[in-house]
Each structure stands twice: as C-alpha cells, then as structure tokens.
C-alpha cells in the first residue's frame, strides 16, 4: 500500500512501471551492476547522428587513469563551451556509457563538448576517490583547452542524482583549490546530504525509485562508515559544506516527490544567501528519475527548461568574475 501514489502527476504514472522501487544490499550489487551493464549494452547500438564519441584516459595525481567519454558535435565552433558530466547511480551503480545518448543529445542541442567521467565506484573505492576522479577530469579539460578546442572560461560541471552531488562537490574543490574558475554548475535532482535517511526524510517523498534505505546504503558505501555521523566534509556531502560563497551560477531541478527535494531546496536557499545566482525548479507530482516518462508534458517541459538554462549558463556573457573565494 503506497502513501504517495495519489500525489503523482497522472502523466508520470507510466514511468513507474519502467523503474520499480526495490530495496537492495551490497551483496546484491554484482548482479544489479551486471543487469544494468547488459541493459546499457543493448541500448548503445550506434551514435547519435551529428555527434562523435571518443574515449580517453586522464592521468590522476593518485597514479591511476580516469576513463572519460568525449562527445563532440559535428562542426562545433572553435572555443566552444564544455560540460564535465558525472553520471548518477546512488554512488554504487552506473557508468559513462549509461548516459551516452543523453550526453550526446546535450552536446548536440547545446552545441558544446561533453566530457563524461567514468569515475570509480564505492564501496570498492570510497571517498575521496570518486570526487577526485571527477576533479582530475575537470583539471585535464581545463589544462588541455587548446587541443580540445574549448574555451577555458566556459566550463560547467553537471550531473544527475549521485552525479549531481559529485558535480557540486567538484565545484567546491575547484573553488577551494583555486586552479579552475567554473562558469556554471548544472544539478539534476542532486544527491547532496548523507543525513537524509528513513528517520529524517519527508514521508511523502522517496517512496518511488530511490528510497531512504537505498540512500543510506549508497552514502555509507561512499563514506566507508554509517551515513549521518559526525565529521563528514563538504567534499563528500556538499550539504555539509559550511560556506557556499564563491561558487558558480547554479541550476537545480527536482521533483516534489523525490527523496532529495528537501535537501535540494535547502541547498538552493543557502546558495542564494551566500550570494550565488541560483535557479531552482520544483515539479509537483514528480518522483526521482521522472524523465523516464518521456511522453509526459511535464517531462518535456523540464527537459527544455534545463537545456535553456544550460545554454544561458555557458554563454560568454555569464563568465564568472571570481572576485571572492570561499573556504571549506
């Protein structure tokens, strides 16, 4: 018996048939990962017309190489903008391939380069491994701007769900290391706060797709200890960052029935109070991953709104001045 199904936008109900809500454990991970990989392989038949995808390996300070997929539209003009993208999956699942078509569409429709990071996953690689992989890819893009044909003043970080949380954490690292000035961060229902769990979540949010129990499992795997404890830093859980000033212009979108709605609203409020230009969209009746209901008008509207915001964020007129830098 569900308690929030009556709140779901009727246009989005078909999407719930595609993504059943299942509580899982770390022991289930190998089988789930294999099923997801097989599903991804079945879906990747050919590249989107007008976009080429290549693979590269980025050296990291830790000595390993971070795999990236580079999506480049045909006839991309010189000094184009670039998006460094982190995929979702609750920190436990997903890959750069899982977002291949979505990233190709973004590259084509926004006319930008998209560099998708195949970061290492917990629990095999806990924090700071995943965010350091994302930062290594970001720094590689910045340092190789001429050969990539991109404008180093028009770099954005982006991601959905756990990838959105990693994008936000990468932006904090970029601010505090003072090596890269980001133009924009584009966060799609980002996973930001390890304290969101069964005892703290809105009872009418998180019933579908990504639950509070799975959320605690993902965060505990990332942190290497139970989620919600003391001493967690903002580079792991961005909502824990004490200072959000000096971050780039920010876009956040989330559904009202998403487990992350409350933490996303609070993060947006804190960004605005820190003087960060922030655009927030909250969709009533929408659950986590509601874009799977592709034909729903609300899905199409949210998609077009996000693309328009990304175009604005990457436009030359909105280059950051970076006059002030915050500290963690």
C-alpha atoms as a PDB file:
ATOM      1  CA  UNK A   1       0.000   0.000   0.000  1.00  0.00           C
ATOM      2  CA  UNK A   2       1.571   3.263  -1.078  1.00  0.00           C
ATOM      3  CA  UNK A   3       1.029   6.562   0.719  1.00  0.00           C
ATOM      4  CA  UNK A   4       2.061   8.994  -2.017  1.00  0.00           C
ATOM      5  CA  UNK A   5       0.868   7.462  -5.294  1.00  0.00           C
ATOM      6  CA  UNK A   6      -2.183   9.739  -5.250  1.00  0.00           C
ATOM      7  CA  UNK A   7       0.240  12.704  -5.361  1.00  0.00           C
ATOM      8  CA  UNK A   8       1.985  11.506  -8.542  1.00  0.00           C
ATOM      9  CA  UNK A   9       1.239  13.565 -11.643  1.00  0.00           C
ATOM     10  CA  UNK A  10      -1.052  11.245 -13.697  1.00  0.00           C
ATOM     11  CA  UNK A  11       1.077  11.947 -16.761  1.00  0.00           C
ATOM     12  CA  UNK A  12       4.053  10.401 -14.954  1.00  0.00           C
ATOM     13  CA  UNK A  13       2.419   7.203 -13.749  1.00  0.00           C
ATOM     14  CA  UNK A  14       3.572   5.166 -16.803  1.00  0.00           C
ATOM     15  CA  UNK A  15       7.184   5.849 -15.819  1.00  0.00           C
ATOM     16  CA  UNK A  16       6.721   3.988 -12.538  1.00  0.00           C
ATOM     17  CA  UNK A  17       6.148   0.783 -14.492  1.00  0.00           C
ATOM     18  CA  UNK A  18       9.639   1.113 -16.008  1.00  0.00           C
ATOM     19  CA  UNK A  19      11.560   1.684 -12.758  1.00  0.00           C
ATOM     20  CA  UNK A  20      10.288  -0.460  -9.883  1.00  0.00           C
ATOM     21  CA  UNK A  21      11.313   0.548  -6.370  1.00  0.00           C
ATOM     22  CA  UNK A  22      13.495  -2.184  -4.861  1.00  0.00           C
ATOM     23  CA  UNK A  23      15.459  -2.142  -1.618  1.00  0.00           C
ATOM     24  CA  UNK A  24      18.857  -3.772  -2.141  1.00  0.00           C
ATOM     25  CA  UNK A  25      22.041  -4.622  -0.246  1.00  0.00           C
ATOM     26  CA  UNK A  26      25.741  -4.556  -1.050  1.00  0.00           C
ATOM     27  CA  UNK A  27      25.534  -8.292  -1.650  1.00  0.00           C
ATOM     28  CA  UNK A  28      23.080  -7.608  -4.474  1.00  0.00           C
ATOM     29  CA  UNK A  29      25.414  -5.151  -6.212  1.00  0.00           C
ATOM     30  CA  UNK A  30      27.300  -7.505  -8.583  1.00  0.00           C
ATOM     31  CA  UNK A  31      24.082  -8.888 -10.046  1.00  0.00           C
ATOM     32  CA  UNK A  32      22.456  -5.451 -10.310  1.00  0.00           C
ATOM     33  CA  UNK A  33      25.548  -3.981 -11.955  1.00  0.00           C
ATOM     34  CA  UNK A  34      25.653  -6.787 -14.500  1.00  0.00           C
ATOM     35  CA  UNK A  35      21.977  -6.330 -15.359  1.00  0.00           C
ATOM     36  CA  UNK A  36      22.483  -2.589 -15.762  1.00  0.00           C
ATOM     37  CA  UNK A  37      25.567  -3.131 -17.921  1.00  0.00           C
ATOM     38  CA  UNK A  38      23.670  -5.554 -20.140  1.00  0.00           C
ATOM     39  CA  UNK A  39      20.778  -3.100 -20.441  1.00  0.00           C
ATOM     40  CA  UNK A  40      23.234  -0.354 -21.381  1.00  0.00           C
ATOM     41  CA  UNK A  41      24.951  -2.552 -23.989  1.00  0.00           C
ATOM     42  CA  UNK A  42      21.583  -3.323 -25.558  1.00  0.00           C
ATOM     43  CA  UNK A  43      20.750   0.385 -25.705  1.00  0.00           C
ATOM     44  CA  UNK A  44      24.053   1.528 -27.231  1.00  0.00           C
ATOM     45  CA  UNK A  45      23.638   0.447 -30.835  1.00  0.00           C
ATOM     46  CA  UNK A  46      25.009   3.445 -32.703  1.00  0.00           C
ATOM     47  CA  UNK A  47      25.988   7.024 -32.004  1.00  0.00           C
ATOM     48  CA  UNK A  48      23.582   9.881 -32.432  1.00  0.00           C
ATOM     49  CA  UNK A  49      23.783  11.409 -35.890  1.00  0.00           C
ATOM     50  CA  UNK A  50      25.829  14.576 -35.829  1.00  0.00           C
ATOM     51  CA  UNK A  51      27.853  13.672 -32.726  1.00  0.00           C
ATOM     52  CA  UNK A  52      31.075  11.670 -32.473  1.00  0.00           C
ATOM     53  CA  UNK A  53      32.151   9.924 -29.288  1.00  0.00           C
ATOM     54  CA  UNK A  54      35.733   9.050 -28.399  1.00  0.00           C
ATOM     55  CA  UNK A  55      37.412   7.557 -25.361  1.00  0.00           C
ATOM     56  CA  UNK A  56      40.377   8.921 -23.455  1.00  0.00           C
ATOM     57  CA  UNK A  57      42.206   8.229 -20.194  1.00  0.00           C
ATOM     58  CA  UNK A  58      43.050  11.081 -17.849  1.00  0.00           C
ATOM     59  CA  UNK A  59      46.118  10.785 -15.579  1.00  0.00           C
ATOM     60  CA  UNK A  60      45.384  11.370 -11.903  1.00  0.00           C
ATOM     61  CA  UNK A  61      47.646  12.563  -9.069  1.00  0.00           C
ATOM     62  CA  UNK A  62      46.966   9.219  -7.369  1.00  0.00           C
ATOM     63  CA  UNK A  63      48.639   7.355 -10.236  1.00  0.00           C
ATOM     64  CA  UNK A  64      45.654   5.674 -11.890  1.00  0.00           C
ATOM     65  CA  UNK A  65      43.913   6.794 -15.091  1.00  0.00           C
ATOM     66  CA  UNK A  66      40.353   8.077 -15.193  1.00  0.00           C
ATOM     67  CA  UNK A  67      38.379   6.966 -18.228  1.00  0.00           C
ATOM     68  CA  UNK A  68      36.275   9.617 -19.968  1.00  0.00           C
ATOM     69  CA  UNK A  69      33.958   9.644 -22.965  1.00  0.00           C
ATOM     70  CA  UNK A  70      34.172  12.785 -25.092  1.00  0.00           C
ATOM     71  CA  UNK A  71      31.041  13.714 -27.046  1.00  0.00           C
ATOM     72  CA  UNK A  72      31.692  16.270 -29.789  1.00  0.00           C
ATOM     73  CA  UNK A  73      29.040  17.651 -32.145  1.00  0.00           C
ATOM     74  CA  UNK A  74      29.960  17.876 -35.802  1.00  0.00           C
ATOM     75  CA  UNK A  75      31.041  21.370 -36.845  1.00  0.00           C
ATOM     76  CA  UNK A  76      31.500  22.508 -33.242  1.00  0.00           C
ATOM     77  CA  UNK A  77      32.897  26.058 -33.495  1.00  0.00           C
ATOM     78  CA  UNK A  78      36.327  26.900 -32.035  1.00  0.00           C
ATOM     79  CA  UNK A  79      36.492  27.973 -28.383  1.00  0.00           C
ATOM     80  CA  UNK A  80      33.257  26.161 -27.592  1.00  0.00           C
ATOM     81  CA  UNK A  81      31.902  25.642 -24.080  1.00  0.00           C
ATOM     82  CA  UNK A  82      32.327  22.306 -22.301  1.00  0.00           C
ATOM     83  CA  UNK A  83      30.363  20.323 -19.732  1.00  0.00           C
ATOM     84  CA  UNK A  84      32.185  17.882 -17.444  1.00  0.00           C
ATOM     85  CA  UNK A  85      29.477  15.361 -16.620  1.00  0.00           C
ATOM     86  CA  UNK A  86      29.164  12.882 -13.732  1.00  0.00           C
ATOM     87  CA  UNK A  87      26.619  10.060 -14.109  1.00  0.00           C
ATOM     88  CA  UNK A  88      24.122   9.005 -11.449  1.00  0.00           C
ATOM     89  CA  UNK A  89      23.557   5.675  -9.743  1.00  0.00           C
ATOM     90  CA  UNK A  90      23.496   6.310  -5.999  1.00  0.00           C
ATOM     91  CA  UNK A  91      27.332   6.168  -5.961  1.00  0.00           C
ATOM     92  CA  UNK A  92      27.003   2.400  -6.358  1.00  0.00           C
ATOM     93  CA  UNK A  93      25.831   1.977  -9.942  1.00  0.00           C
ATOM     94  CA  UNK A  94      26.048   3.441 -13.428  1.00  0.00           C
ATOM     95  CA  UNK A  95      28.779   4.322 -15.885  1.00  0.00           C
ATOM     96  CA  UNK A  96      29.672   6.877 -18.508  1.00  0.00           C
ATOM     97  CA  UNK A  97      28.012   4.546 -21.051  1.00  0.00           C
ATOM     98  CA  UNK A  98      24.715   4.665 -19.187  1.00  0.00           C
ATOM     99  CA  UNK A  99      24.425   8.372 -20.062  1.00  0.00           C
ATOM    100  CA  UNK A 100      25.885   8.085 -23.564  1.00  0.00           C
ATOM    101  CA  UNK A 101      22.772   9.001 -25.562  1.00  0.00           C
ATOM    102  CA  UNK A 102      21.687  11.667 -23.066  1.00  0.00           C
ATOM    103  CA  UNK A 103      25.147  13.254 -23.173  1.00  0.00           C
ATOM    104  CA  UNK A 104      25.228  13.107 -26.971  1.00  0.00           C
ATOM    105  CA  UNK A 105      21.866  14.868 -27.108  1.00  0.00           C
ATOM    106  CA  UNK A 106      23.151  17.512 -24.700  1.00  0.00           C
ATOM    107  CA  UNK A 107      26.250  18.069 -26.823  1.00  0.00           C
ATOM    108  CA  UNK A 108      24.183  18.413 -29.994  1.00  0.00           C
ATOM    109  CA  UNK A 109      21.368  20.546 -28.593  1.00  0.00           C
ATOM    110  CA  UNK A 110      23.567  22.917 -26.571  1.00  0.00           C
ATOM    111  CA  UNK A 111      26.444  22.905 -29.080  1.00  0.00           C
ATOM    112  CA  UNK A 112      29.085  22.137 -26.503  1.00  0.00           C
ATOM    113  CA  UNK A 113      31.669  19.476 -25.791  1.00  0.00           C
ATOM    114  CA  UNK A 114      30.553  16.974 -23.143  1.00  0.00           C
ATOM    115  CA  UNK A 115      33.213  15.054 -21.225  1.00  0.00           C
ATOM    116  CA  UNK A 116      31.585  12.220 -19.267  1.00  0.00           C
ATOM    117  CA  UNK A 117      33.582  10.868 -16.320  1.00  0.00           C
ATOM    118  CA  UNK A 118      33.691   7.123 -15.657  1.00  0.00           C
ATOM    119  CA  UNK A 119      34.626   7.636 -12.000  1.00  0.00           C
ATOM    120  CA  UNK A 120      35.439   4.704  -9.726  1.00  0.00           C
ATOM    121  CA  UNK A 121      32.542   3.432  -7.617  1.00  0.00           C
ATOM    122  CA  UNK A 122      32.118   2.685  -3.916  1.00  0.00           C
ATOM    123  CA  UNK A 123      32.286   0.524  -1.938  1.00  0.00           C
ATOM    124  CA  UNK A 124      35.420  -0.636  -3.774  1.00  0.00           C
ATOM    125  CA  UNK A 125      36.638   2.985  -3.956  1.00  0.00           C
ATOM    126  CA  UNK A 126      35.178   5.177  -1.182  1.00  0.00           C
ATOM    127  CA  UNK A 127      35.540   8.933  -0.732  1.00  0.00           C
ATOM    128  CA  UNK A 128      37.592  10.803  -1.841  1.00  0.00           C
ATOM    129  CA  UNK A 129      38.151   8.521  -4.847  1.00  0.00           C
ATOM    130  CA  UNK A 130      35.022   9.389  -6.888  1.00  0.00           C
ATOM    131  CA  UNK A 131      35.221  13.174  -6.458  1.00  0.00           C
ATOM    132  CA  UNK A 132      38.969  13.177  -7.071  1.00  0.00           C
ATOM    133  CA  UNK A 133      38.336  11.315 -10.343  1.00  0.00           C
ATOM    134  CA  UNK A 134      35.826  13.993 -11.334  1.00  0.00           C
ATOM    135  CA  UNK A 135      38.228  16.757 -10.380  1.00  0.00           C
ATOM    136  CA  UNK A 136      41.080  15.109 -12.315  1.00  0.00           C
ATOM    137  CA  UNK A 137      38.866  15.061 -15.424  1.00  0.00           C
ATOM    138  CA  UNK A 138      37.891  18.695 -14.869  1.00  0.00           C
ATOM    139  CA  UNK A 139      41.515  19.800 -14.499  1.00  0.00           C
ATOM    140  CA  UNK A 140      42.520  17.803 -17.592  1.00  0.00           C
ATOM    141  CA  UNK A 141      39.802  19.542 -19.613  1.00  0.00           C
ATOM    142  CA  UNK A 142      40.925  22.944 -18.351  1.00  0.00           C
ATOM    143  CA  UNK A 143      44.633  22.303 -18.926  1.00  0.00           C
ATOM    144  CA  UNK A 144      44.053  20.862 -22.409  1.00  0.00           C
ATOM    145  CA  UNK A 145      41.602  23.505 -23.598  1.00  0.00           C
ATOM    146  CA  UNK A 146      43.570  24.393 -26.771  1.00  0.00           C
ATOM    147  CA  UNK A 147      43.849  20.803 -28.022  1.00  0.00           C
ATOM    148  CA  UNK A 148      40.214  20.082 -27.100  1.00  0.00           C
ATOM    149  CA  UNK A 149      39.097  23.251 -28.881  1.00  0.00           C
ATOM    150  CA  UNK A 150      37.189  24.642 -25.909  1.00  0.00           C
ATOM    151  CA  UNK A 151      37.056  27.945 -24.056  1.00  0.00           C
ATOM    152  CA  UNK A 152      38.578  27.505 -20.570  1.00  0.00           C
ATOM    153  CA  UNK A 153      36.372  30.331 -19.260  1.00  0.00           C
ATOM    154  CA  UNK A 154      33.201  28.450 -20.232  1.00  0.00           C
ATOM    155  CA  UNK A 155      33.471  25.196 -18.290  1.00  0.00           C
ATOM    156  CA  UNK A 156      30.497  23.753 -16.420  1.00  0.00           C
ATOM    157  CA  UNK A 157      30.129  20.747 -14.156  1.00  0.00           C
ATOM    158  CA  UNK A 158      26.891  18.780 -14.347  1.00  0.00           C
ATOM    159  CA  UNK A 159      25.296  15.545 -13.269  1.00  0.00           C
ATOM    160  CA  UNK A 160      22.132  13.830 -12.141  1.00  0.00           C
ATOM    161  CA  UNK A 161      21.400  12.225  -8.766  1.00  0.00           C
ATOM    162  CA  UNK A 162      24.697  10.983  -7.270  1.00  0.00           C
ATOM    163  CA  UNK A 163      26.437  12.563 -10.256  1.00  0.00           C
ATOM    164  CA  UNK A 164      24.823  15.869  -9.363  1.00  0.00           C
ATOM    165  CA  UNK A 165      26.232  15.528  -5.860  1.00  0.00           C
ATOM    166  CA  UNK A 166      29.673  14.795  -7.285  1.00  0.00           C
ATOM    167  CA  UNK A 167      29.376  17.807  -9.603  1.00  0.00           C
ATOM    168  CA  UNK A 168      28.551  20.025  -6.612  1.00  0.00           C
ATOM    169  CA  UNK A 169      31.479  18.565  -4.661  1.00  0.00           C
ATOM    170  CA  UNK A 170      33.770  19.096  -7.658  1.00  0.00           C
ATOM    171  CA  UNK A 171      32.696  22.741  -7.786  1.00  0.00           C
ATOM    172  CA  UNK A 172      33.638  23.108  -4.108  1.00  0.00           C
ATOM    173  CA  UNK A 173      37.054  21.580  -4.801  1.00  0.00           C
ATOM    174  CA  UNK A 174      37.578  23.865  -7.798  1.00  0.00           C
ATOM    175  CA  UNK A 175      36.730  26.912  -5.693  1.00  0.00           C
ATOM    176  CA  UNK A 176      38.988  25.960  -2.801  1.00  0.00           C
ATOM    177  CA  UNK A 177      41.965  24.740  -4.823  1.00  0.00           C
ATOM    178  CA  UNK A 178      41.763  27.934  -6.868  1.00  0.00           C
ATOM    179  CA  UNK A 179      43.038  26.268 -10.062  1.00  0.00           C
ATOM    180  CA  UNK A 180      39.915  26.464 -12.223  1.00  0.00           C
ATOM    181  CA  UNK A 181      37.203  29.104 -12.464  1.00  0.00           C
ATOM    182  CA  UNK A 182      33.921  27.396 -13.301  1.00  0.00           C
ATOM    183  CA  UNK A 183      31.234  29.189 -15.247  1.00  0.00           C
ATOM    184  CA  UNK A 184      28.294  27.096 -14.105  1.00  0.00           C
ATOM    185  CA  UNK A 185      27.030  24.058 -12.206  1.00  0.00           C
ATOM    186  CA  UNK A 186      24.005  22.189 -13.570  1.00  0.00           C
ATOM    187  CA  UNK A 187      22.484  19.863 -10.958  1.00  0.00           C
ATOM    188  CA  UNK A 188      19.644  17.476 -11.814  1.00  0.00           C
ATOM    189  CA  UNK A 189      17.987  16.235  -8.581  1.00  0.00           C
ATOM    190  CA  UNK A 190      21.429  16.066  -6.945  1.00  0.00           C
ATOM    191  CA  UNK A 191      22.270  13.699  -4.059  1.00  0.00           C
ATOM    192  CA  UNK A 192      23.778  16.175  -1.602  1.00  0.00           C
ATOM    193  CA  UNK A 193      23.214  15.169   2.030  1.00  0.00           C
ATOM    194  CA  UNK A 194      24.240  11.933   3.759  1.00  0.00           C
ATOM    195  CA  UNK A 195      21.882  12.784   6.639  1.00  0.00           C
ATOM    196  CA  UNK A 196      18.784  12.087   4.510  1.00  0.00           C
ATOM    197  CA  UNK A 197      17.517   8.721   5.710  1.00  0.00           C
ATOM    198  CA  UNK A 198      14.463   6.827   6.987  1.00  0.00           C
ATOM    199  CA  UNK A 199      14.266   8.928  10.163  1.00  0.00           C
ATOM    200  CA  UNK A 200      14.750  12.331   8.520  1.00  0.00           C
ATOM    201  CA  UNK A 201      13.098  12.191   5.097  1.00  0.00           C
ATOM    202  CA  UNK A 202       9.707  13.635   4.202  1.00  0.00           C
ATOM    203  CA  UNK A 203       7.329  10.632   4.491  1.00  0.00           C
ATOM    204  CA  UNK A 204       5.655  11.666   1.219  1.00  0.00           C
ATOM    205  CA  UNK A 205       8.939  11.785  -0.709  1.00  0.00           C
ATOM    206  CA  UNK A 206      11.233   8.981  -1.746  1.00  0.00           C
ATOM    207  CA  UNK A 207       8.638   6.242  -1.891  1.00  0.00           C
ATOM    208  CA  UNK A 208       9.413   5.555  -5.541  1.00  0.00           C
ATOM    209  CA  UNK A 209      12.609   4.622  -7.411  1.00  0.00           C
ATOM    210  CA  UNK A 210      15.244   5.783  -4.883  1.00  0.00           C
ATOM    211  CA  UNK A 211      14.275   5.162  -1.272  1.00  0.00           C
ATOM    212  CA  UNK A 212      15.662   6.397   2.021  1.00  0.00           C
ATOM    213  CA  UNK A 213      17.039   2.931   2.763  1.00  0.00           C
ATOM    214  CA  UNK A 214      18.929   2.745  -0.534  1.00  0.00           C
ATOM    215  CA  UNK A 215      20.126   6.294   0.068  1.00  0.00           C
ATOM    216  CA  UNK A 216      21.711   5.359   3.375  1.00  0.00           C
ATOM    217  CA  UNK A 217      23.327   2.325   1.731  1.00  0.00           C
ATOM    218  CA  UNK A 218      24.854   4.479  -1.020  1.00  0.00           C
ATOM    219  CA  UNK A 219      26.136   7.124   1.371  1.00  0.00           C
ATOM    220  CA  UNK A 220      27.580   4.564   3.795  1.00  0.00           C
ATOM    221  CA  UNK A 221      29.418   2.891   0.911  1.00  0.00           C
ATOM    222  CA  UNK A 222      30.850   6.239  -0.210  1.00  0.00           C
ATOM    223  CA  UNK A 223      31.876   7.328   3.282  1.00  0.00           C
ATOM    224  CA  UNK A 224      33.172   3.943   4.425  1.00  0.00           C
ATOM    225  CA  UNK A 225      31.160   4.343   7.638  1.00  0.00           C
ATOM    226  CA  UNK A 226      27.498   4.734   8.577  1.00  0.00           C
ATOM    227  CA  UNK A 227      25.911   7.767   6.939  1.00  0.00           C
ATOM    228  CA  UNK A 228      24.792  10.720   9.013  1.00  0.00           C
ATOM    229  CA  UNK A 229      27.657  10.676  11.513  1.00  0.00           C
ATOM    230  CA  UNK A 230      29.894  13.461  12.717  1.00  0.00           C
ATOM    231  CA  UNK A 231      32.843  14.922  10.847  1.00  0.00           C
ATOM    232  CA  UNK A 232      31.661  14.405   7.254  1.00  0.00           C
ATOM    233  CA  UNK A 233      33.198  17.055   4.977  1.00  0.00           C
ATOM    234  CA  UNK A 234      31.547  19.028   2.202  1.00  0.00           C
ATOM    235  CA  UNK A 235      33.700  17.423  -0.481  1.00  0.00           C
ATOM    236  CA  UNK A 236      31.917  14.144   0.338  1.00  0.00           C
ATOM    237  CA  UNK A 237      28.469  15.517   1.196  1.00  0.00           C
ATOM    238  CA  UNK A 238      28.074  19.033  -0.271  1.00  0.00           C
ATOM    239  CA  UNK A 239      25.236  19.951   2.095  1.00  0.00           C
ATOM    240  CA  UNK A 240      27.787  19.706   4.909  1.00  0.00           C
ATOM    241  CA  UNK A 241      29.945  22.492   3.444  1.00  0.00           C
ATOM    242  CA  UNK A 242      29.941  25.427   5.853  1.00  0.00           C
ATOM    243  CA  UNK A 243      30.495  28.097   3.190  1.00  0.00           C
ATOM    244  CA  UNK A 244      28.822  28.135  -0.231  1.00  0.00           C
ATOM    245  CA  UNK A 245      30.026  31.567  -1.296  1.00  0.00           C
ATOM    246  CA  UNK A 246      32.171  31.951  -4.392  1.00  0.00           C
ATOM    247  CA  UNK A 247      30.511  29.058  -6.234  1.00  0.00           C
ATOM    248  CA  UNK A 248      29.459  29.418  -9.876  1.00  0.00           C
ATOM    249  CA  UNK A 249      25.946  30.186 -11.071  1.00  0.00           C
ATOM    250  CA  UNK A 250      23.770  27.208 -10.258  1.00  0.00           C
ATOM    251  CA  UNK A 251      20.776  25.403 -11.731  1.00  0.00           C
ATOM    252  CA  UNK A 252      18.865  22.837  -9.651  1.00  0.00           C
ATOM    253  CA  UNK A 253      15.792  20.864 -10.719  1.00  0.00           C
ATOM    254  CA  UNK A 254      13.930  18.255  -8.662  1.00  0.00           C
ATOM    255  CA  UNK A 255      10.515  16.651  -8.290  1.00  0.00           C
ATOM    256  CA  UNK A 256       8.414  17.312  -5.193  1.00  0.00           C
ATOM    257  CA  UNK A 257       8.140  13.544  -4.523  1.00  0.00           C
ATOM    258  CA  UNK A 258      11.879  12.973  -4.925  1.00  0.00           C
ATOM    259  CA  UNK A 259      13.715  11.913  -1.769  1.00  0.00           C
ATOM    260  CA  UNK A 260      16.164  14.754  -2.499  1.00  0.00           C
ATOM    261  CA  UNK A 261      13.556  17.531  -2.699  1.00  0.00           C
ATOM    262  CA  UNK A 262      14.115  18.898   0.821  1.00  0.00           C
ATOM    263  CA  UNK A 263      17.906  18.836   0.652  1.00  0.00           C
ATOM    264  CA  UNK A 264      17.855  20.411  -2.819  1.00  0.00           C
ATOM    265  CA  UNK A 265      15.564  23.218  -1.633  1.00  0.00           C
ATOM    266  CA  UNK A 266      17.777  23.865   1.372  1.00  0.00           C
ATOM    267  CA  UNK A 267      20.948  23.855  -0.736  1.00  0.00           C
ATOM    268  CA  UNK A 268      19.371  26.365  -3.126  1.00  0.00           C
ATOM    269  CA  UNK A 269      18.323  28.574  -0.213  1.00  0.00           C
ATOM    270  CA  UNK A 270      21.848  28.513   1.216  1.00  0.00           C
ATOM    271  CA  UNK A 271      23.372  29.284  -2.180  1.00  0.00           C
ATOM    272  CA  UNK A 272      21.140  32.333  -2.548  1.00  0.00           C
ATOM    273  CA  UNK A 273      22.006  33.537   0.955  1.00  0.00           C
ATOM    274  CA  UNK A 274      25.690  33.135   0.035  1.00  0.00           C
ATOM    275  CA  UNK A 275      25.270  35.438  -2.949  1.00  0.00           C
ATOM    276  CA  UNK A 276      25.296  32.734  -5.639  1.00  0.00           C
ATOM    277  CA  UNK A 277      22.974  33.269  -8.610  1.00  0.00           C
ATOM    278  CA  UNK A 278      20.646  30.281  -8.338  1.00  0.00           C
ATOM    279  CA  UNK A 279      17.832  28.932 -10.495  1.00  0.00           C
ATOM    280  CA  UNK A 280      15.560  26.343  -8.878  1.00  0.00           C
ATOM    281  CA  UNK A 281      12.742  24.309 -10.417  1.00  0.00           C
ATOM    282  CA  UNK A 282      10.429  22.109  -8.323  1.00  0.00           C
ATOM    283  CA  UNK A 283       7.988  19.890 -10.216  1.00  0.00           C
ATOM    284  CA  UNK A 284       4.821  18.846  -8.350  1.00  0.00           C
ATOM    285  CA  UNK A 285       3.895  15.191  -8.611  1.00  0.00           C
ATOM    286  CA  UNK A 286       7.332  14.227  -9.942  1.00  0.00           C
ATOM    287  CA  UNK A 287       9.436  11.407  -8.485  1.00  0.00           C
ATOM    288  CA  UNK A 288      13.153  10.607  -8.821  1.00  0.00           C
ATOM    289  CA  UNK A 289      14.011   9.912 -12.455  1.00  0.00           C
ATOM    290  CA  UNK A 290      10.633  11.084 -13.749  1.00  0.00           C
ATOM    291  CA  UNK A 291      12.171  11.793 -17.179  1.00  0.00           C
ATOM    292  CA  UNK A 292      11.668   8.096 -17.990  1.00  0.00           C
ATOM    293  CA  UNK A 293       8.045   9.042 -18.674  1.00  0.00           C
ATOM    294  CA  UNK A 294       9.325  10.577 -21.914  1.00  0.00           C
ATOM    295  CA  UNK A 295       5.987  11.500 -23.453  1.00  0.00           C
ATOM    296  CA  UNK A 296       4.644  13.364 -20.428  1.00  0.00           C
ATOM    297  CA  UNK A 297       4.291  17.122 -20.987  1.00  0.00           C
ATOM    298  CA  UNK A 298       5.954  17.854 -17.640  1.00  0.00           C
ATOM    299  CA  UNK A 299       8.968  15.776 -18.692  1.00  0.00           C
ATOM    300  CA  UNK A 300       9.290  17.627 -21.989  1.00  0.00           C
ATOM    301  CA  UNK A 301       8.898  20.974 -20.232  1.00  0.00           C
ATOM    302  CA  UNK A 302      11.544  20.099 -17.619  1.00  0.00           C
ATOM    303  CA  UNK A 303      13.945  18.944 -20.329  1.00  0.00           C
ATOM    304  CA  UNK A 304      13.580  22.109 -22.392  1.00  0.00           C
ATOM    305  CA  UNK A 305      13.888  24.276 -19.285  1.00  0.00           C
ATOM    306  CA  UNK A 306      17.117  22.531 -18.299  1.00  0.00           C
ATOM    307  CA  UNK A 307      18.615  22.874 -21.796  1.00  0.00           C
ATOM    308  CA  UNK A 308      17.721  26.565 -21.954  1.00  0.00           C
ATOM    309  CA  UNK A 309      19.329  27.132 -18.553  1.00  0.00           C
ATOM    310  CA  UNK A 310      22.490  25.307 -19.624  1.00  0.00           C
ATOM    311  CA  UNK A 311      22.754  27.420 -22.766  1.00  0.00           C
ATOM    312  CA  UNK A 312      22.472  30.582 -20.654  1.00  0.00           C
ATOM    313  CA  UNK A 313      24.991  29.305 -18.146  1.00  0.00           C
ATOM    314  CA  UNK A 314      27.554  28.592 -20.847  1.00  0.00           C
ATOM    315  CA  UNK A 315      27.025  31.830 -22.740  1.00  0.00           C
ATOM    316  CA  UNK A 316      30.057  34.194 -22.828  1.00  0.00           C
ATOM    317  CA  UNK A 317      28.068  36.989 -21.171  1.00  0.00           C
ATOM    318  CA  UNK A 318      27.838  34.963 -17.985  1.00  0.00           C
ATOM    319  CA  UNK A 319      31.533  34.288 -17.421  1.00  0.00           C
ATOM    320  CA  UNK A 320      32.269  34.447 -13.661  1.00  0.00           C
ATOM    321  CA  UNK A 321      34.403  37.237 -12.202  1.00  0.00           C
ATOM    322  CA  UNK A 322      35.573  35.042  -9.319  1.00  0.00           C
ATOM    323  CA  UNK A 323      36.224  38.095  -7.178  1.00  0.00           C
ATOM    324  CA  UNK A 324      35.843  36.165  -3.950  1.00  0.00           C
ATOM    325  CA  UNK A 325      36.807  32.666  -2.968  1.00  0.00           C
ATOM    326  CA  UNK A 326      35.243  30.818  -0.081  1.00  0.00           C
ATOM    327  CA  UNK A 327      36.846  28.265   2.167  1.00  0.00           C
ATOM    328  CA  UNK A 328      35.644  24.913   3.386  1.00  0.00           C
END
